[in-house]
Amino acid sequence: MANVRAKLVYPVSQVKRPVIARLALDFNVLADIRRANVEDGNGWLICELEGTSENLKGAFEWLSEMGIEVDTLGDVVES
């Protein structure tokens, strides 16, 4: 299993969609949310994602297709 800390930045079209649930159900990727700010017009999450390298790669590709920006982070939590 691999662990990745990432910041997900949501466009307005994705704020109300169950993105984290889809990661778990469709890609078998667990998300531990560390910080978040979600409003009507935009949102971001900092989370630790856990899954196989292949599942994480598929999840990142899907997130990108959905218009969600994925920035992998080091140990420092950013906002």
PDB file of N, CA and C in Angstrom:
ATOM      1  N   MET A   1       0.831  -1.183   0.000  1.00  0.00           N
ATOM      2  CA  MET A   1       0.000   0.000   0.000  1.00  0.00           C
ATOM      3  C   MET A   1       0.877   1.250   0.000  1.00  0.00           C
ATOM      4  N   ALA A   2       0.377   2.261  -0.653  1.00  0.00           N
ATOM      5  CA  ALA A   2       1.079   3.536  -0.711  1.00  0.00           C
ATOM      6  C   ALA A   2       0.248   4.597  -0.003  1.00  0.00           C
ATOM      7  N   ASN A   3       0.920   5.578   0.574  1.00  0.00           N
ATOM      8  CA  ASN A   3       0.268   6.715   1.218  1.00  0.00           C
ATOM      9  C   ASN A   3       0.749   7.987   0.544  1.00  0.00           C
ATOM     10  N   VAL A   4      -0.196   8.863   0.206  1.00  0.00           N
ATOM     11  CA  VAL A   4       0.128  10.127  -0.432  1.00  0.00           C
ATOM     12  C   VAL A   4      -0.658  11.230   0.262  1.00  0.00           C
ATOM     13  N   ARG A   5       0.014  12.313   0.607  1.00  0.00           N
ATOM     14  CA  ARG A   5      -0.681  13.499   1.115  1.00  0.00           C
ATOM     15  C   ARG A   5      -0.920  14.415  -0.079  1.00  0.00           C
ATOM     16  N   ALA A   6      -2.157  14.858  -0.238  1.00  0.00           N
ATOM     17  CA  ALA A   6      -2.494  15.655  -1.413  1.00  0.00           C
ATOM     18  C   ALA A   6      -3.479  16.760  -1.066  1.00  0.00           C
ATOM     19  N   LYS A   7      -3.415  17.822  -1.846  1.00  0.00           N
ATOM     20  CA  LYS A   7      -4.398  18.900  -1.782  1.00  0.00           C
ATOM     21  C   LYS A   7      -5.273  18.776  -3.015  1.00  0.00           C
ATOM     22  N   LEU A   8      -6.579  18.674  -2.799  1.00  0.00           N
ATOM     23  CA  LEU A   8      -7.548  18.597  -3.889  1.00  0.00           C
ATOM     24  C   LEU A   8      -8.279  19.921  -3.954  1.00  0.00           C
ATOM     25  N   VAL A   9      -8.260  20.561  -5.105  1.00  0.00           N
ATOM     26  CA  VAL A   9      -8.926  21.849  -5.296  1.00  0.00           C
ATOM     27  C   VAL A   9     -10.098  21.632  -6.251  1.00  0.00           C
ATOM     28  N   TYR A  10     -11.294  21.931  -5.752  1.00  0.00           N
ATOM     29  CA  TYR A  10     -12.530  21.652  -6.474  1.00  0.00           C
ATOM     30  C   TYR A  10     -13.019  22.863  -7.252  1.00  0.00           C
ATOM     31  N   PRO A  11     -13.446  22.684  -8.505  1.00  0.00           N
ATOM     32  CA  PRO A  11     -14.146  23.751  -9.204  1.00  0.00           C
ATOM     33  C   PRO A  11     -15.600  23.778  -8.741  1.00  0.00           C
ATOM     34  N   VAL A  12     -16.288  24.836  -9.053  1.00  0.00           N
ATOM     35  CA  VAL A  12     -17.672  25.006  -8.617  1.00  0.00           C
ATOM     36  C   VAL A  12     -18.563  23.825  -9.038  1.00  0.00           C
ATOM     37  N   SER A  13     -18.294  23.236 -10.183  1.00  0.00           N
ATOM     38  CA  SER A  13     -19.140  22.146 -10.687  1.00  0.00           C
ATOM     39  C   SER A  13     -19.023  20.863  -9.880  1.00  0.00           C
ATOM     40  N   GLN A  14     -18.003  20.731  -9.053  1.00  0.00           N
ATOM     41  CA  GLN A  14     -17.775  19.489  -8.316  1.00  0.00           C
ATOM     42  C   GLN A  14     -17.973  19.600  -6.801  1.00  0.00           C
ATOM     43  N   VAL A  15     -18.260  20.789  -6.309  1.00  0.00           N
ATOM     44  CA  VAL A  15     -18.331  21.004  -4.857  1.00  0.00           C
ATOM     45  C   VAL A  15     -19.383  20.123  -4.193  1.00  0.00           C
ATOM     46  N   LYS A  16     -20.513  19.911  -4.830  1.00  0.00           N
ATOM     47  CA  LYS A  16     -21.600  19.159  -4.199  1.00  0.00           C
ATOM     48  C   LYS A  16     -21.613  17.677  -4.567  1.00  0.00           C
ATOM     49  N   ARG A  17     -20.599  17.199  -5.260  1.00  0.00           N
ATOM     50  CA  ARG A  17     -20.539  15.784  -5.649  1.00  0.00           C
ATOM     51  C   ARG A  17     -19.790  14.971  -4.592  1.00  0.00           C
ATOM     52  N   PRO A  18     -20.143  13.692  -4.442  1.00  0.00           N
ATOM     53  CA  PRO A  18     -19.507  12.835  -3.432  1.00  0.00           C
ATOM     54  C   PRO A  18     -18.162  12.271  -3.905  1.00  0.00           C
ATOM     55  N   VAL A  19     -17.199  13.146  -4.110  1.00  0.00           N
ATOM     56  CA  VAL A  19     -15.911  12.760  -4.684  1.00  0.00           C
ATOM     57  C   VAL A  19     -15.160  11.777  -3.792  1.00  0.00           C
ATOM     58  N   ILE A  20     -15.101  12.044  -2.503  1.00  0.00           N
ATOM     59  CA  ILE A  20     -14.356  11.170  -1.592  1.00  0.00           C
ATOM     60  C   ILE A  20     -15.001   9.781  -1.541  1.00  0.00           C
ATOM     61  N   ALA A  21     -16.308   9.726  -1.536  1.00  0.00           N
ATOM     62  CA  ALA A  21     -17.004   8.431  -1.554  1.00  0.00           C
ATOM     63  C   ALA A  21     -16.678   7.662  -2.828  1.00  0.00           C
ATOM     64  N   ARG A  22     -16.605   8.337  -3.956  1.00  0.00           N
ATOM     65  CA  ARG A  22     -16.274   7.685  -5.230  1.00  0.00           C
ATOM     66  C   ARG A  22     -14.851   7.137  -5.203  1.00  0.00           C
ATOM     67  N   LEU A  23     -13.920   7.852  -4.551  1.00  0.00           N
ATOM     68  CA  LEU A  23     -12.553   7.338  -4.439  1.00  0.00           C
ATOM     69  C   LEU A  23     -12.561   5.993  -3.719  1.00  0.00           C
ATOM     70  N   ALA A  24     -13.333   5.905  -2.649  1.00  0.00           N
ATOM     71  CA  ALA A  24     -13.387   4.665  -1.872  1.00  0.00           C
ATOM     72  C   ALA A  24     -14.098   3.559  -2.646  1.00  0.00           C
ATOM     73  N   LEU A  25     -15.238   3.860  -3.228  1.00  0.00           N
ATOM     74  CA  LEU A  25     -16.048   2.835  -3.885  1.00  0.00           C
ATOM     75  C   LEU A  25     -15.494   2.395  -5.237  1.00  0.00           C
ATOM     76  N   ASP A  26     -15.055   3.338  -6.041  1.00  0.00           N
ATOM     77  CA  ASP A  26     -14.629   3.021  -7.409  1.00  0.00           C
ATOM     78  C   ASP A  26     -13.151   2.665  -7.529  1.00  0.00           C
ATOM     79  N   PHE A  27     -12.316   3.210  -6.623  1.00  0.00           N
ATOM     80  CA  PHE A  27     -10.868   3.030  -6.762  1.00  0.00           C
ATOM     81  C   PHE A  27     -10.225   2.332  -5.575  1.00  0.00           C
ATOM     82  N   ASN A  28     -11.016   2.022  -4.554  1.00  0.00           N
ATOM     83  CA  ASN A  28     -10.488   1.375  -3.357  1.00  0.00           C
ATOM     84  C   ASN A  28      -9.362   2.203  -2.732  1.00  0.00           C
ATOM     85  N   VAL A  29      -9.570   3.519  -2.699  1.00  0.00           N
ATOM     86  CA  VAL A  29      -8.620   4.461  -2.104  1.00  0.00           C
ATOM     87  C   VAL A  29      -9.277   5.069  -0.872  1.00  0.00           C
ATOM     88  N   LEU A  30      -8.602   4.962   0.268  1.00  0.00           N
ATOM     89  CA  LEU A  30      -9.106   5.545   1.505  1.00  0.00           C
ATOM     90  C   LEU A  30      -8.581   6.966   1.635  1.00  0.00           C
ATOM     91  N   ALA A  31      -9.450   7.881   2.071  1.00  0.00           N
ATOM     92  CA  ALA A  31      -9.064   9.276   2.239  1.00  0.00           C
ATOM     93  C   ALA A  31      -9.277   9.688   3.682  1.00  0.00           C
ATOM     94  N   ASP A  32      -8.218  10.174   4.307  1.00  0.00           N
ATOM     95  CA  ASP A  32      -8.278  10.716   5.658  1.00  0.00           C
ATOM     96  C   ASP A  32      -8.157  12.228   5.520  1.00  0.00           C
ATOM     97  N   ILE A  33      -9.264  12.949   5.719  1.00  0.00           N
ATOM     98  CA  ILE A  33      -9.284  14.397   5.526  1.00  0.00           C
ATOM     99  C   ILE A  33      -8.617  15.064   6.723  1.00  0.00           C
ATOM    100  N   ARG A  34      -7.604  15.889   6.449  1.00  0.00           N
ATOM    101  CA  ARG A  34      -6.848  16.593   7.485  1.00  0.00           C
ATOM    102  C   ARG A  34      -7.290  18.035   7.663  1.00  0.00           C
ATOM    103  N   ARG A  35      -7.583  18.713   6.562  1.00  0.00           N
ATOM    104  CA  ARG A  35      -8.064  20.102   6.590  1.00  0.00           C
ATOM    105  C   ARG A  35      -8.971  20.273   5.391  1.00  0.00           C
ATOM    106  N   ALA A  36      -9.913  21.190   5.514  1.00  0.00           N
ATOM    107  CA  ALA A  36     -10.817  21.423   4.389  1.00  0.00           C
ATOM    108  C   ALA A  36     -11.447  22.805   4.489  1.00  0.00           C
ATOM    109  N   ASN A  37     -11.829  23.313   3.329  1.00  0.00           N
ATOM    110  CA  ASN A  37     -12.619  24.526   3.232  1.00  0.00           C
ATOM    111  C   ASN A  37     -13.506  24.350   2.007  1.00  0.00           C
ATOM    112  N   VAL A  38     -14.791  24.168   2.242  1.00  0.00           N
ATOM    113  CA  VAL A  38     -15.729  23.956   1.136  1.00  0.00           C
ATOM    114  C   VAL A  38     -16.824  24.993   1.241  1.00  0.00           C
ATOM    115  N   GLU A  39     -17.017  25.726   0.160  1.00  0.00           N
ATOM    116  CA  GLU A  39     -18.049  26.746   0.085  1.00  0.00           C
ATOM    117  C   GLU A  39     -18.880  26.483  -1.156  1.00  0.00           C
ATOM    118  N   ASP A  40     -19.890  27.309  -1.394  1.00  0.00           N
ATOM    119  CA  ASP A  40     -20.749  27.101  -2.560  1.00  0.00           C
ATOM    120  C   ASP A  40     -19.985  27.189  -3.868  1.00  0.00           C
ATOM    121  N   GLY A  41     -19.016  28.095  -3.974  1.00  0.00           N
ATOM    122  CA  GLY A  41     -18.351  28.335  -5.239  1.00  0.00           C
ATOM    123  C   GLY A  41     -17.066  27.584  -5.469  1.00  0.00           C
ATOM    124  N   ASN A  42     -16.454  27.071  -4.417  1.00  0.00           N
ATOM    125  CA  ASN A  42     -15.191  26.353  -4.573  1.00  0.00           C
ATOM    126  C   ASN A  42     -14.863  25.611  -3.283  1.00  0.00           C
ATOM    127  N   GLY A  43     -13.804  24.881  -3.315  1.00  0.00           N
ATOM    128  CA  GLY A  43     -13.398  24.174  -2.108  1.00  0.00           C
ATOM    129  C   GLY A  43     -12.059  23.500  -2.283  1.00  0.00           C
ATOM    130  N   TRP A  44     -11.447  23.163  -1.172  1.00  0.00           N
ATOM    131  CA  TRP A  44     -10.199  22.407  -1.191  1.00  0.00           C
ATOM    132  C   TRP A  44     -10.167  21.476   0.007  1.00  0.00           C
ATOM    133  N   LEU A  45      -9.447  20.394  -0.158  1.00  0.00           N
ATOM    134  CA  LEU A  45      -9.228  19.414   0.906  1.00  0.00           C
ATOM    135  C   LEU A  45      -7.754  19.073   0.949  1.00  0.00           C
ATOM    136  N   ILE A  46      -7.236  18.898   2.122  1.00  0.00           N
ATOM    137  CA  ILE A  46      -5.924  18.289   2.276  1.00  0.00           C
ATOM    138  C   ILE A  46      -6.180  16.947   2.937  1.00  0.00           C
ATOM    139  N   CYS A  47      -5.738  15.901   2.278  1.00  0.00           N
ATOM    140  CA  CYS A  47      -6.026  14.567   2.796  1.00  0.00           C
ATOM    141  C   CYS A  47      -4.849  13.636   2.559  1.00  0.00           C
ATOM    142  N   GLU A  48      -4.874  12.571   3.335  1.00  0.00           N
ATOM    143  CA  GLU A  48      -3.918  11.492   3.130  1.00  0.00           C
ATOM    144  C   GLU A  48      -4.675  10.377   2.430  1.00  0.00           C
ATOM    145  N   LEU A  49      -4.166   9.968   1.290  1.00  0.00           N
ATOM    146  CA  LEU A  49      -4.799   8.943   0.486  1.00  0.00           C
ATOM    147  C   LEU A  49      -4.005   7.657   0.593  1.00  0.00           C
ATOM    148  N   GLU A  50      -4.702   6.551   0.769  1.00  0.00           N
ATOM    149  CA  GLU A  50      -4.047   5.258   0.913  1.00  0.00           C
ATOM    150  C   GLU A  50      -4.650   4.262  -0.057  1.00  0.00           C
ATOM    151  N   GLY A  51      -3.792   3.576  -0.783  1.00  0.00           N
ATOM    152  CA  GLY A  51      -4.220   2.549  -1.723  1.00  0.00           C
ATOM    153  C   GLY A  51      -3.007   2.004  -2.450  1.00  0.00           C
ATOM    154  N   THR A  52      -3.245   1.068  -3.350  1.00  0.00           N
ATOM    155  CA  THR A  52      -2.134   0.583  -4.149  1.00  0.00           C
ATOM    156  C   THR A  52      -1.693   1.685  -5.103  1.00  0.00           C
ATOM    157  N   SER A  53      -0.474   1.600  -5.579  1.00  0.00           N
ATOM    158  CA  SER A  53       0.022   2.604  -6.531  1.00  0.00           C
ATOM    159  C   SER A  53      -0.872   2.680  -7.760  1.00  0.00           C
ATOM    160  N   GLU A  54      -1.319   1.526  -8.238  1.00  0.00           N
ATOM    161  CA  GLU A  54      -2.196   1.479  -9.409  1.00  0.00           C
ATOM    162  C   GLU A  54      -3.539   2.154  -9.117  1.00  0.00           C
ATOM    163  N   ASN A  55      -4.121   1.886  -7.941  1.00  0.00           N
ATOM    164  CA  ASN A  55      -5.404   2.504  -7.590  1.00  0.00           C
ATOM    165  C   ASN A  55      -5.270   4.008  -7.419  1.00  0.00           C
ATOM    166  N   LEU A  56      -4.183   4.448  -6.799  1.00  0.00           N
ATOM    167  CA  LEU A  56      -3.959   5.888  -6.638  1.00  0.00           C
ATOM    168  C   LEU A  56      -3.792   6.562  -7.991  1.00  0.00           C
ATOM    169  N   LYS A  57      -3.063   5.937  -8.899  1.00  0.00           N
ATOM    170  CA  LYS A  57      -2.876   6.505 -10.232  1.00  0.00           C
ATOM    171  C   LYS A  57      -4.218   6.651 -10.938  1.00  0.00           C
ATOM    172  N   GLY A  58      -5.048   5.616 -10.872  1.00  0.00           N
ATOM    173  CA  GLY A  58      -6.371   5.689 -11.481  1.00  0.00           C
ATOM    174  C   GLY A  58      -7.238   6.762 -10.842  1.00  0.00           C
ATOM    175  N   ALA A  59      -7.158   6.886  -9.523  1.00  0.00           N
ATOM    176  CA  ALA A  59      -7.927   7.907  -8.816  1.00  0.00           C
ATOM    177  C   ALA A  59      -7.485   9.303  -9.230  1.00  0.00           C
ATOM    178  N   PHE A  60      -6.166   9.532  -9.323  1.00  0.00           N
ATOM    179  CA  PHE A  60      -5.657  10.837  -9.723  1.00  0.00           C
ATOM    180  C   PHE A  60      -6.085  11.185 -11.147  1.00  0.00           C
ATOM    181  N   GLU A  61      -6.071  10.210 -12.041  1.00  0.00           N
ATOM    182  CA  GLU A  61      -6.514  10.449 -13.415  1.00  0.00           C
ATOM    183  C   GLU A  61      -7.989  10.816 -13.439  1.00  0.00           C
ATOM    184  N   TRP A  62      -8.812  10.100 -12.673  1.00  0.00           N
ATOM    185  CA  TRP A  62     -10.244  10.388 -12.617  1.00  0.00           C
ATOM    186  C   TRP A  62     -10.493  11.773 -12.045  1.00  0.00           C
ATOM    187  N   LEU A  63      -9.791  12.125 -10.950  1.00  0.00           N
ATOM    188  CA  LEU A  63      -9.947  13.448 -10.359  1.00  0.00           C
ATOM    189  C   LEU A  63      -9.623  14.530 -11.379  1.00  0.00           C
ATOM    190  N   SER A  64      -8.559  14.341 -12.128  1.00  0.00           N
ATOM    191  CA  SER A  64      -8.176  15.303 -13.157  1.00  0.00           C
ATOM    192  C   SER A  64      -9.255  15.431 -14.223  1.00  0.00           C
ATOM    193  N   GLU A  65      -9.814  14.305 -14.636  1.00  0.00           N
ATOM    194  CA  GLU A  65     -10.905  14.322 -15.623  1.00  0.00           C
ATOM    195  C   GLU A  65     -12.127  15.073 -15.099  1.00  0.00           C
ATOM    196  N   MET A  66     -12.346  15.018 -13.788  1.00  0.00           N
ATOM    197  CA  MET A  66     -13.475  15.705 -13.169  1.00  0.00           C
ATOM    198  C   MET A  66     -13.199  17.197 -12.977  1.00  0.00           C
ATOM    199  N   GLY A  67     -11.993  17.648 -13.300  1.00  0.00           N
ATOM    200  CA  GLY A  67     -11.639  19.052 -13.149  1.00  0.00           C
ATOM    201  C   GLY A  67     -11.120  19.397 -11.769  1.00  0.00           C
ATOM    202  N   ILE A  68     -10.788  18.382 -10.988  1.00  0.00           N
ATOM    203  CA  ILE A  68     -10.259  18.602  -9.642  1.00  0.00           C
ATOM    204  C   ILE A  68      -8.740  18.584  -9.712  1.00  0.00           C
ATOM    205  N   GLU A  69      -8.149  19.669  -9.262  1.00  0.00           N
ATOM    206  CA  GLU A  69      -6.689  19.796  -9.267  1.00  0.00           C
ATOM    207  C   GLU A  69      -6.102  18.980  -8.124  1.00  0.00           C
ATOM    208  N   VAL A  70      -5.089  18.188  -8.405  1.00  0.00           N
ATOM    209  CA  VAL A  70      -4.425  17.362  -7.393  1.00  0.00           C
ATOM    210  C   VAL A  70      -2.981  17.812  -7.276  1.00  0.00           C
ATOM    211  N   ASP A  71      -2.604  18.275  -6.083  1.00  0.00           N
ATOM    212  CA  ASP A  71      -1.215  18.638  -5.801  1.00  0.00           C
ATOM    213  C   ASP A  71      -0.725  17.728  -4.682  1.00  0.00           C
ATOM    214  N   THR A  72       0.294  16.939  -4.967  1.00  0.00           N
ATOM    215  CA  THR A  72       0.855  16.102  -3.907  1.00  0.00           C
ATOM    216  C   THR A  72       1.738  16.982  -3.031  1.00  0.00           C
ATOM    217  N   LEU A  73       1.694  16.712  -1.730  1.00  0.00           N
ATOM    218  CA  LEU A  73       2.385  17.528  -0.751  1.00  0.00           C
ATOM    219  C   LEU A  73       3.424  16.710  -0.017  1.00  0.00           C
ATOM    220  N   GLY A  74       4.365  17.399   0.585  1.00  0.00           N
ATOM    221  CA  GLY A  74       5.315  16.754   1.479  1.00  0.00           C
ATOM    222  C   GLY A  74       4.689  16.636   2.867  1.00  0.00           C
ATOM    223  N   ASP A  75       5.490  16.708   3.889  1.00  0.00           N
ATOM    224  CA  ASP A  75       5.009  16.579   5.251  1.00  0.00           C
ATOM    225  C   ASP A  75       4.347  17.845   5.782  1.00  0.00           C
ATOM    226  N   VAL A  76       4.561  18.976   5.134  1.00  0.00           N
ATOM    227  CA  VAL A  76       4.013  20.244   5.624  1.00  0.00           C
ATOM    228  C   VAL A  76       2.582  20.394   5.132  1.00  0.00           C
ATOM    229  N   VAL A  77       1.670  20.679   6.046  1.00  0.00           N
ATOM    230  CA  VAL A  77       0.267  20.895   5.669  1.00  0.00           C
ATOM    231  C   VAL A  77       0.132  22.327   5.217  1.00  0.00           C
ATOM    232  N   GLU A  78      -0.377  22.502   3.997  1.00  0.00           N
ATOM    233  CA  GLU A  78      -0.550  23.834   3.427  1.00  0.00           C
ATOM    234  C   GLU A  78      -2.019  24.162   3.339  1.00  0.00           C
ATOM    235  N   SER A  79      -2.339  25.437   3.217  1.00  0.00           N
ATOM    236  CA  SER A  79      -3.734  25.835   3.020  1.00  0.00           C
ATOM    237  C   SER A  79      -3.869  26.670   1.773  1.00  0.00           C
TER     238      SER A  79
END
